[in-house]
Amino acid sequence: MKIEIHRGSHEIGGSCVELSAGDTRIILDVGMPLVKPDGREFNMRDYDGLSEEELVEASVLPRVEGLYAWQQPSVDAVLISHAHQDHYGLIQYVHPDIPVYMSEGTHKLLEISKIFSGGAMPPTAPRIFAWPSEFQVGEFNITPHLVDHSSAHAFAFEIAAAGKRVFYSGDFRTHGHIGNAAITTLYRKVHPGVDALLMEGTMLGRDTASVQTEAELSLKANEICKQTDKAILIYQAGQNISRTVSFYKAAKRSRRWFVLDLYTACVLDEMSRCPGGKNLPSPCKPGFNDVRVWYPSCLTTRSKNIGHEDIVYKYIARKMVYEEMATDLGKVMLFVRPGMEANLHNIPGLAGSTLVYSLWEGYHEKKNTRKFLEAVGDLGINVVSLHTSGHADIPSLQQMANRLKPRKIIPIHTFHPEEYASIFNFPVETGAELTL
């Protein structure tokens, strides 16, 4: 078996790994970069007007022969680990004849991203794998393993061919709501002694002393609710369902309405219909009468303009209007994000409320984030940060290595591959190509 890392061995984001055995070639993730080669932030709009071949020359698309729509297809399958753009964001360039495998939840999240934010076009006929399951692609036997991450329905892959086994961790952690259960099941099913462990290292190079669990974060959110007489505003990633659940638990403890924006409501609704989602706080399910929905104009206008008025009207029975919020702001937990500044001006009495910023602090540097937080401050709303990572801390990475006992570890999804050798007691291979 051969492994070639087309991108991701020295960066976070843009993951793209090729495995080949016999006449079979498969690709693990086709992610959009997060940074340019010079370290500056990547923005796809900087490359508007370039042809596909020019995108390859500009290192936007990894150089993978037989993967793209303008080439003769020679790749047998693409596997998508989860629904973050740095793992699937270039999927629209894949040749339509190449099967693309993903979980049901990942496919739902890709569809929702396309509707609300114009994300990458999901494949029209994806190969949806179940869990637990395994499937065959040519020479390869592939077993998906559910992991905990800040994107729901995230999977690692155990891949066997030619008498060798590779384990691709994707992005994972152990401190989320399903972290311990998922990783315990994984270690029970994956036999030690894998030939290669492609393991993420996002947290390397960061101070991980303050990593907290989602359960601890939820309790801290409850304390913030107790200390705030006005509304609690939540600014988080709309598809981070684990975080949404953390805040829902805090809202229930503090007896607040859980008021989702239209986008987040759609995410929870769709994911609640997927395997494992029956207990999610969906606005369409009985038993969640404290879950309400508000309709910021930026979301309703986009939904209508692209022909999805059905989404706008789907949650109308749970709609909460500005006047209802204003009657008792102390009972409101409201989901917000950039683009909703004008709508917040329509809610009387927000001064003295608290906005909980629950994202990586590095996003403060983004122009739209700065503008939004400034607008929030102008309304007299206090801003506090409450976040925990979607990625494994160093002890969790060491645990994975010690449990899977790889013959070699291959760094992926990290800016610090040079640190692996000092952290793990297994041989480390940092080259872009190797043969098992």
Protein backbone atom coordinates (compact mmCIF):
# COMPACT_ATOMS: atom_id res chain seq x y z
CA MET A 1 0.00 0.00 0.00
CA LYS A 2 1.20 3.50 -0.82
CA ILE A 3 0.34 6.72 1.00
CA GLU A 4 0.71 10.18 -0.51
CA ILE A 5 -0.22 13.30 1.42
CA HIS A 6 -1.16 15.83 -1.22
CA ARG A 7 -1.87 18.46 1.43
CA GLY A 8 -2.08 18.68 5.20
CA SER A 9 1.25 17.32 6.39
CA HIS A 10 2.49 20.80 7.41
CA GLU A 11 -0.74 22.75 7.80
CA ILE A 12 -4.15 22.75 9.42
CA GLY A 13 -6.82 22.58 6.75
CA GLY A 14 -6.92 21.58 3.11
CA SER A 15 -6.55 17.90 4.01
CA CYS A 16 -6.11 15.55 1.04
CA VAL A 17 -4.51 12.10 1.33
CA GLU A 18 -4.24 9.41 -1.34
CA LEU A 19 -4.00 5.68 -0.67
CA SER A 20 -3.25 3.21 -3.44
CA ALA A 21 -3.06 -0.57 -3.58
CA GLY A 22 -2.93 -2.62 -6.76
CA ASP A 23 -5.03 -0.79 -9.32
CA THR A 24 -7.18 0.99 -6.71
CA ARG A 25 -6.79 4.62 -5.64
CA ILE A 26 -8.86 6.36 -2.95
CA ILE A 27 -8.74 9.91 -1.60
CA LEU A 28 -9.33 10.82 2.04
CA ASP A 29 -10.90 14.30 2.19
CA VAL A 30 -10.70 17.10 -0.38
CA GLY A 31 -10.48 20.11 1.91
CA MET A 32 -10.26 23.79 1.15
CA PRO A 33 -7.08 25.40 2.55
CA LEU A 34 -7.30 27.66 5.57
CA VAL A 35 -4.00 29.40 4.85
CA LYS A 36 -2.00 30.30 1.77
CA PRO A 37 1.55 28.92 1.31
CA ASP A 38 2.92 32.18 2.79
CA GLY A 39 0.79 31.76 5.93
CA ARG A 40 -1.82 34.42 5.15
CA GLU A 41 -5.52 33.61 5.45
CA PHE A 42 -6.92 31.75 2.44
CA ASN A 43 -9.93 33.24 0.64
CA MET A 44 -11.36 31.44 -2.39
CA ARG A 45 -12.62 34.75 -3.78
CA ASP A 46 -9.01 35.76 -4.39
CA TYR A 47 -8.99 33.19 -7.20
CA ASP A 48 -12.21 34.15 -8.95
CA GLY A 49 -11.91 33.82 -12.72
CA LEU A 50 -9.16 31.20 -12.72
CA SER A 51 -9.67 27.99 -14.69
CA GLU A 52 -9.45 24.63 -12.95
CA GLU A 53 -5.97 24.04 -14.39
CA GLU A 54 -4.90 27.47 -13.11
CA LEU A 55 -6.25 26.59 -9.67
CA VAL A 56 -3.93 23.57 -9.68
CA GLU A 57 -0.98 25.74 -10.72
CA ALA A 58 -1.85 28.19 -7.92
CA SER A 59 -1.84 25.30 -5.39
CA VAL A 60 -5.50 25.88 -4.57
CA LEU A 61 -6.36 22.42 -5.89
CA PRO A 62 -3.90 19.68 -4.92
CA ARG A 63 -2.18 18.04 -7.87
CA VAL A 64 -4.06 14.71 -8.03
CA GLU A 65 -4.24 13.13 -11.46
CA GLY A 66 -7.60 11.62 -12.40
CA LEU A 67 -9.58 13.30 -9.60
CA TYR A 68 -11.11 16.32 -11.28
CA ALA A 69 -14.04 16.89 -13.60
CA TRP A 70 -11.87 17.99 -16.57
CA GLN A 71 -9.65 14.88 -16.33
CA GLN A 72 -10.12 11.25 -17.26
CA PRO A 73 -11.25 9.79 -13.91
CA SER A 74 -8.80 7.28 -12.44
CA VAL A 75 -9.57 7.66 -8.72
CA ASP A 76 -11.93 4.96 -7.46
CA ALA A 77 -13.49 6.80 -4.50
CA VAL A 78 -13.36 9.87 -2.28
CA LEU A 79 -14.07 9.55 1.46
CA ILE A 80 -15.24 12.62 3.40
CA SER A 81 -14.59 12.43 7.13
CA HIS A 82 -16.89 15.28 8.23
CA ALA A 83 -18.68 18.47 7.20
CA HIS A 84 -16.02 21.12 7.73
CA GLN A 85 -14.88 23.06 4.68
CA ASP A 86 -11.21 22.28 5.30
CA HIS A 87 -12.12 18.61 4.71
CA TYR A 88 -14.73 18.81 1.95
CA GLY A 89 -14.60 22.35 0.50
CA LEU A 90 -13.19 21.37 -2.93
CA ILE A 91 -15.68 18.56 -3.53
CA GLN A 92 -17.40 20.37 -6.40
CA TYR A 93 -14.27 19.89 -8.55
CA VAL A 94 -14.30 16.08 -8.20
CA HIS A 95 -15.26 14.21 -11.36
CA PRO A 96 -18.99 13.32 -11.15
CA ASP A 97 -18.26 9.67 -12.05
CA ILE A 98 -16.10 9.18 -8.93
CA PRO A 99 -18.12 7.83 -5.97
CA VAL A 100 -18.04 10.08 -2.89
CA TYR A 101 -18.64 8.35 0.46
CA MET A 102 -19.89 10.17 3.57
CA SER A 103 -22.26 9.72 6.50
CA GLU A 104 -25.90 10.72 6.29
CA GLY A 105 -25.37 13.55 8.77
CA THR A 106 -22.41 14.91 6.83
CA HIS A 107 -24.46 14.99 3.65
CA LYS A 108 -27.29 16.84 5.42
CA LEU A 109 -24.85 19.44 6.76
CA LEU A 110 -23.34 19.96 3.31
CA GLU A 111 -26.80 20.58 1.88
CA ILE A 112 -27.66 23.09 4.61
CA SER A 113 -24.35 24.92 4.15
CA LYS A 114 -25.06 25.28 0.44
CA ILE A 115 -28.49 26.77 1.15
CA PHE A 116 -27.50 29.28 3.82
CA SER A 117 -23.91 30.22 3.04
CA GLY A 118 -23.25 29.15 -0.53
CA GLY A 119 -20.82 26.40 0.47
CA ALA A 120 -19.46 23.74 -1.87
CA MET A 121 -22.06 21.94 -3.95
CA PRO A 122 -22.60 18.49 -2.39
CA PRO A 123 -22.59 15.48 -4.71
CA THR A 124 -26.00 14.73 -6.17
CA ALA A 125 -25.71 10.99 -5.53
CA PRO A 126 -23.35 10.40 -2.61
CA ARG A 127 -22.63 6.92 -1.28
CA ILE A 128 -24.02 7.11 2.25
CA PHE A 129 -22.37 4.69 4.65
CA ALA A 130 -24.07 3.49 7.80
CA TRP A 131 -22.45 2.98 11.19
CA PRO A 132 -21.45 0.44 12.31
CA SER A 133 -20.58 -0.92 8.88
CA GLU A 134 -17.78 -1.63 6.47
CA PHE A 135 -17.59 -1.39 2.70
CA GLN A 136 -15.31 -2.34 -0.16
CA VAL A 137 -13.70 -0.12 -2.79
CA GLY A 138 -11.58 -2.22 -5.11
CA GLU A 139 -8.63 -3.53 -3.09
CA PHE A 140 -9.62 -1.57 0.01
CA ASN A 141 -11.82 -2.66 2.90
CA ILE A 142 -12.99 0.47 4.75
CA THR A 143 -14.49 0.64 8.24
CA PRO A 144 -15.84 4.01 9.46
CA HIS A 145 -15.59 4.75 13.18
CA LEU A 146 -17.70 7.47 14.80
CA VAL A 147 -15.67 10.13 16.65
CA ASP A 148 -16.57 13.20 18.67
CA HIS A 149 -15.84 16.53 16.99
CA SER A 150 -17.31 20.01 16.63
CA SER A 151 -19.02 18.73 13.49
CA ALA A 152 -21.66 16.06 14.09
CA HIS A 153 -21.40 12.69 12.36
CA ALA A 154 -17.61 12.93 12.10
CA PHE A 155 -15.75 9.70 11.31
CA ALA A 156 -12.31 8.19 11.38
CA PHE A 157 -11.49 5.47 8.87
CA GLU A 158 -9.75 2.11 9.28
CA ILE A 159 -8.53 1.05 5.85
CA ALA A 160 -7.05 -2.33 4.93
CA ALA A 161 -5.48 -3.59 1.70
CA ALA A 162 -2.57 -5.79 0.59
CA GLY A 163 -2.16 -7.14 4.12
CA LYS A 164 -1.67 -3.64 5.61
CA ARG A 165 -3.88 -1.43 7.78
CA VAL A 166 -4.00 2.36 7.92
CA PHE A 167 -5.98 4.36 10.48
CA TYR A 168 -6.99 7.90 9.53
CA SER A 169 -8.13 9.82 12.61
CA GLY A 170 -9.83 12.69 10.80
CA ASP A 171 -10.59 15.41 13.38
CA PHE A 172 -11.55 14.10 16.82
CA ARG A 173 -11.57 14.83 20.53
CA THR A 174 -12.53 13.08 23.77
CA HIS A 175 -13.93 16.00 25.80
CA GLY A 176 -17.26 16.40 23.96
CA HIS A 177 -20.64 14.99 25.01
CA ILE A 178 -20.09 11.69 23.16
CA GLY A 179 -16.30 11.75 23.36
CA ASN A 180 -15.69 8.99 25.87
CA ALA A 181 -18.37 6.68 24.50
CA ALA A 182 -17.23 7.08 20.90
CA ILE A 183 -13.52 6.62 21.59
CA THR A 184 -14.13 3.64 23.91
CA THR A 185 -16.12 1.91 21.15
CA LEU A 186 -13.41 2.73 18.62
CA TYR A 187 -10.65 1.23 20.76
CA ARG A 188 -12.73 -1.88 21.35
CA LYS A 189 -13.16 -2.44 17.61
CA VAL A 190 -9.78 -1.44 16.16
CA HIS A 191 -7.08 -4.03 16.82
CA PRO A 192 -3.71 -2.65 17.92
CA GLY A 193 -0.74 -2.86 15.57
CA VAL A 194 -1.91 -0.70 12.65
CA ASP A 195 0.81 -0.24 10.06
CA ALA A 196 0.32 3.53 9.88
CA LEU A 197 -1.61 6.04 11.99
CA LEU A 198 -2.46 9.26 10.15
CA MET A 199 -3.27 11.36 13.22
CA GLU A 200 -4.35 14.96 13.48
CA GLY A 201 -2.30 17.35 15.63
CA THR A 202 -4.29 20.58 15.58
CA MET A 203 -3.60 21.35 19.24
CA LEU A 204 0.16 20.95 19.02
CA GLY A 205 1.86 24.28 19.55
CA ARG A 206 -1.05 25.63 21.61
CA ASP A 207 -1.50 26.01 25.35
CA THR A 208 -3.82 23.10 26.15
CA ALA A 209 -3.81 23.52 29.93
CA SER A 210 -7.26 25.14 29.89
CA VAL A 211 -9.07 22.54 27.76
CA GLN A 212 -12.46 21.91 29.34
CA THR A 213 -15.21 19.44 28.61
CA GLU A 214 -18.49 20.39 26.99
CA ALA A 215 -20.22 19.47 30.25
CA GLU A 216 -18.03 21.94 32.17
CA LEU A 217 -18.67 24.60 29.54
CA SER A 218 -22.41 24.09 29.93
CA LEU A 219 -22.20 24.61 33.69
CA LYS A 220 -20.21 27.84 33.18
CA ALA A 221 -22.84 29.01 30.70
CA ASN A 222 -25.47 28.43 33.39
CA GLU A 223 -23.52 30.66 35.77
CA ILE A 224 -23.43 33.41 33.15
CA CYS A 225 -27.20 33.06 32.78
CA LYS A 226 -27.66 33.47 36.54
CA GLN A 227 -25.53 36.62 36.58
CA THR A 228 -27.40 38.28 33.69
CA ASP A 229 -30.80 39.92 34.20
CA LYS A 230 -31.23 40.59 30.48
CA ALA A 231 -30.87 38.38 27.40
CA ILE A 232 -28.08 35.91 26.77
CA LEU A 233 -26.88 36.06 23.16
CA ILE A 234 -24.94 33.08 21.78
CA TYR A 235 -22.41 33.47 18.96
CA GLN A 236 -21.18 30.01 17.96
CA ALA A 237 -20.75 27.92 14.82
CA GLY A 238 -24.25 26.98 13.70
CA GLN A 239 -23.24 23.42 12.84
CA ASN A 240 -21.47 22.77 16.15
CA ILE A 241 -24.33 20.68 17.50
CA SER A 242 -22.40 19.56 20.55
CA ARG A 243 -21.99 23.21 21.58
CA THR A 244 -25.65 23.92 20.85
CA VAL A 245 -26.59 21.08 23.22
CA SER A 246 -24.29 22.56 25.89
CA PHE A 247 -26.13 25.87 25.70
CA TYR A 248 -29.54 24.17 25.57
CA LYS A 249 -28.76 22.46 28.88
CA ALA A 250 -27.77 25.83 30.35
CA ALA A 251 -30.98 27.40 29.04
CA LYS A 252 -33.08 24.67 30.64
CA ARG A 253 -31.33 25.03 33.99
CA SER A 254 -31.85 28.79 33.97
CA ARG A 255 -35.45 28.53 32.65
CA ARG A 256 -34.79 30.55 29.51
CA TRP A 257 -36.36 30.30 26.10
CA PHE A 258 -33.91 28.65 23.70
CA VAL A 259 -34.31 30.90 20.64
CA LEU A 260 -32.54 29.56 17.56
CA ASP A 261 -31.93 31.56 14.40
CA LEU A 262 -33.44 30.00 11.28
CA TYR A 263 -30.15 28.45 10.14
CA THR A 264 -29.37 26.74 13.46
CA ALA A 265 -32.99 25.59 13.73
CA CYS A 266 -32.69 23.93 10.31
CA VAL A 267 -29.43 22.22 11.35
CA LEU A 268 -30.97 20.78 14.52
CA ASP A 269 -34.15 19.75 12.74
CA GLU A 270 -32.33 17.85 9.99
CA MET A 271 -29.75 16.27 12.29
CA SER A 272 -32.46 15.14 14.72
CA ARG A 273 -33.77 12.95 11.89
CA CYS A 274 -30.40 11.26 11.39
CA PRO A 275 -29.18 8.23 13.36
CA GLY A 276 -28.36 9.19 16.94
CA GLY A 277 -30.24 12.49 16.78
CA LYS A 278 -33.56 11.67 18.43
CA ASN A 279 -32.76 13.62 21.62
CA LEU A 280 -31.54 16.81 19.94
CA PRO A 281 -33.56 19.95 20.84
CA SER A 282 -35.37 20.30 17.54
CA PRO A 283 -38.12 22.91 17.06
CA CYS A 284 -40.18 20.32 15.17
CA LYS A 285 -40.28 17.64 17.85
CA PRO A 286 -42.76 17.27 20.70
CA GLY A 287 -41.29 17.73 24.15
CA PHE A 288 -39.18 20.75 23.18
CA ASN A 289 -41.71 23.52 23.67
CA ASP A 290 -38.99 25.78 25.13
CA VAL A 291 -37.23 25.77 21.72
CA ARG A 292 -38.27 28.79 19.64
CA VAL A 293 -37.09 30.24 16.32
CA TRP A 294 -36.42 33.82 15.23
CA TYR A 295 -36.12 35.04 11.66
CA PRO A 296 -33.22 37.43 10.95
CA SER A 297 -33.76 39.11 7.58
CA CYS A 298 -30.37 38.02 6.20
CA LEU A 299 -31.43 34.36 6.49
CA THR A 300 -35.04 34.64 5.35
CA THR A 301 -34.11 36.76 2.32
CA ARG A 302 -31.43 34.30 1.18
CA SER A 303 -33.71 31.30 1.69
CA LYS A 304 -36.47 32.87 -0.41
CA ASN A 305 -34.10 34.12 -3.11
CA ILE A 306 -32.73 30.64 -3.80
CA GLY A 307 -36.13 28.95 -3.81
CA HIS A 308 -36.28 27.59 -0.25
CA GLU A 309 -39.35 29.36 1.11
CA ASP A 310 -40.32 25.99 2.58
CA ILE A 311 -37.59 26.41 5.21
CA VAL A 312 -38.87 29.86 6.14
CA TYR A 313 -42.37 28.56 6.84
CA LYS A 314 -41.39 25.23 8.36
CA TYR A 315 -40.87 26.55 11.89
CA ILE A 316 -43.49 29.29 11.88
CA ALA A 317 -45.43 27.65 14.73
CA ARG A 318 -42.40 28.21 17.00
CA LYS A 319 -41.65 31.75 15.79
CA MET A 320 -40.63 34.32 18.41
CA VAL A 321 -41.00 37.97 17.38
CA TYR A 322 -39.12 41.00 18.73
CA GLU A 323 -42.02 42.20 20.87
CA GLU A 324 -42.30 38.85 22.63
CA MET A 325 -38.59 38.82 23.40
CA ALA A 326 -38.77 42.35 24.79
CA THR A 327 -41.52 41.48 27.28
CA ASP A 328 -39.02 39.51 29.40
CA LEU A 329 -35.43 39.53 28.08
CA GLY A 330 -34.31 37.78 31.24
CA LYS A 331 -35.93 34.61 29.91
CA VAL A 332 -34.26 34.70 26.47
CA MET A 333 -31.20 32.85 25.12
CA LEU A 334 -30.84 34.07 21.53
CA PHE A 335 -28.55 32.70 18.79
CA VAL A 336 -26.85 35.41 16.72
CA ARG A 337 -23.97 35.92 14.26
CA PRO A 338 -22.55 38.52 11.85
CA GLY A 339 -25.11 39.90 9.42
CA MET A 340 -27.78 40.24 12.11
CA GLU A 341 -26.69 43.66 13.41
CA ALA A 342 -29.72 45.48 12.00
CA ASN A 343 -32.09 42.91 13.47
CA LEU A 344 -30.64 43.33 16.96
CA HIS A 345 -31.48 47.05 16.77
CA ASN A 346 -35.14 46.00 16.47
CA ILE A 347 -35.14 44.31 19.89
CA PRO A 348 -35.89 46.95 22.57
CA GLY A 349 -33.92 46.98 25.81
CA LEU A 350 -30.90 44.84 24.90
CA ALA A 351 -28.49 47.10 26.82
CA GLY A 352 -27.11 45.14 29.78
CA SER A 353 -27.45 41.80 28.01
CA THR A 354 -24.49 39.44 27.59
CA LEU A 355 -23.14 37.94 24.39
CA VAL A 356 -21.28 34.64 24.82
CA TYR A 357 -18.55 34.35 22.17
CA SER A 358 -18.04 30.60 21.72
CA LEU A 359 -15.52 30.31 18.89
CA TRP A 360 -11.76 30.11 18.53
CA GLU A 361 -10.24 33.43 19.61
CA GLY A 362 -8.32 33.66 16.32
CA TYR A 363 -11.56 34.43 14.49
CA HIS A 364 -11.62 37.82 16.22
CA GLU A 365 -9.25 38.95 13.48
CA LYS A 366 -11.85 38.41 10.75
CA LYS A 367 -13.35 41.67 9.48
CA ASN A 368 -16.99 40.58 9.78
CA THR A 369 -16.42 39.30 13.33
CA ARG A 370 -14.83 42.56 14.45
CA LYS A 371 -17.64 44.57 12.87
CA PHE A 372 -20.30 42.43 14.52
CA LEU A 373 -18.74 42.56 17.99
CA GLU A 374 -18.33 46.34 17.70
CA ALA A 375 -22.01 46.68 16.80
CA VAL A 376 -22.93 44.51 19.78
CA GLY A 377 -20.83 46.71 22.06
CA ASP A 378 -22.52 49.84 20.71
CA LEU A 379 -25.85 48.37 21.87
CA GLY A 380 -24.54 48.14 25.44
CA ILE A 381 -24.16 44.35 25.33
CA ASN A 382 -21.31 42.82 27.32
CA VAL A 383 -19.13 40.23 25.56
CA VAL A 384 -17.63 37.21 27.33
CA SER A 385 -15.70 34.30 25.85
CA LEU A 386 -16.60 30.70 26.61
CA HIS A 387 -15.16 28.05 24.32
CA THR A 388 -13.44 24.71 24.15
CA SER A 389 -11.68 23.10 21.23
CA GLY A 390 -13.17 20.69 18.74
CA HIS A 391 -9.83 18.86 18.60
CA ALA A 392 -7.97 16.35 20.73
CA ASP A 393 -5.59 17.58 23.41
CA ILE A 394 -2.15 16.03 23.72
CA PRO A 395 -3.13 13.37 26.32
CA SER A 396 -5.93 12.19 24.01
CA LEU A 397 -3.52 12.00 21.08
CA GLN A 398 -1.08 10.01 23.20
CA GLN A 399 -3.89 7.70 24.25
CA MET A 400 -4.79 7.01 20.61
CA ALA A 401 -1.18 6.20 19.77
CA ASN A 402 -0.80 3.95 22.80
CA ARG A 403 -4.04 2.08 22.10
CA LEU A 404 -3.54 1.58 18.36
CA LYS A 405 0.22 0.86 18.68
CA PRO A 406 1.14 1.93 15.15
CA ARG A 407 4.30 0.85 13.41
CA LYS A 408 4.61 4.50 12.41
CA ILE A 409 2.73 7.75 12.96
CA ILE A 410 2.19 10.16 10.10
CA PRO A 411 1.38 13.77 11.09
CA ILE A 412 -1.65 15.33 9.41
CA HIS A 413 -3.72 18.48 10.01
CA THR A 414 -1.01 20.22 12.03
CA PHE A 415 1.38 23.16 11.85
CA HIS A 416 3.84 21.34 14.10
CA PRO A 417 4.78 17.92 12.67
CA GLU A 418 8.24 18.30 14.19
CA GLU A 419 6.75 17.92 17.70
CA TYR A 420 5.37 14.42 17.12
CA ALA A 421 8.69 12.64 17.72
CA SER A 422 9.04 14.09 21.22
CA ILE A 423 5.40 13.48 22.21
CA PHE A 424 4.80 9.91 20.98
CA ASN A 425 6.76 6.74 21.70
CA PHE A 426 6.44 5.44 18.16
CA PRO A 427 8.39 6.06 14.94
CA VAL A 428 7.24 9.20 13.12
CA GLU A 429 7.27 9.58 9.32
CA THR A 430 6.98 13.19 8.10
CA GLY A 431 7.52 12.59 4.38
CA ALA A 432 4.72 13.23 1.91
CA GLU A 433 5.06 9.77 0.31
CA LEU A 434 5.72 6.33 1.77
CA THR A 435 5.18 2.68 1.01
CA LEU A 436 4.00 0.21 3.67
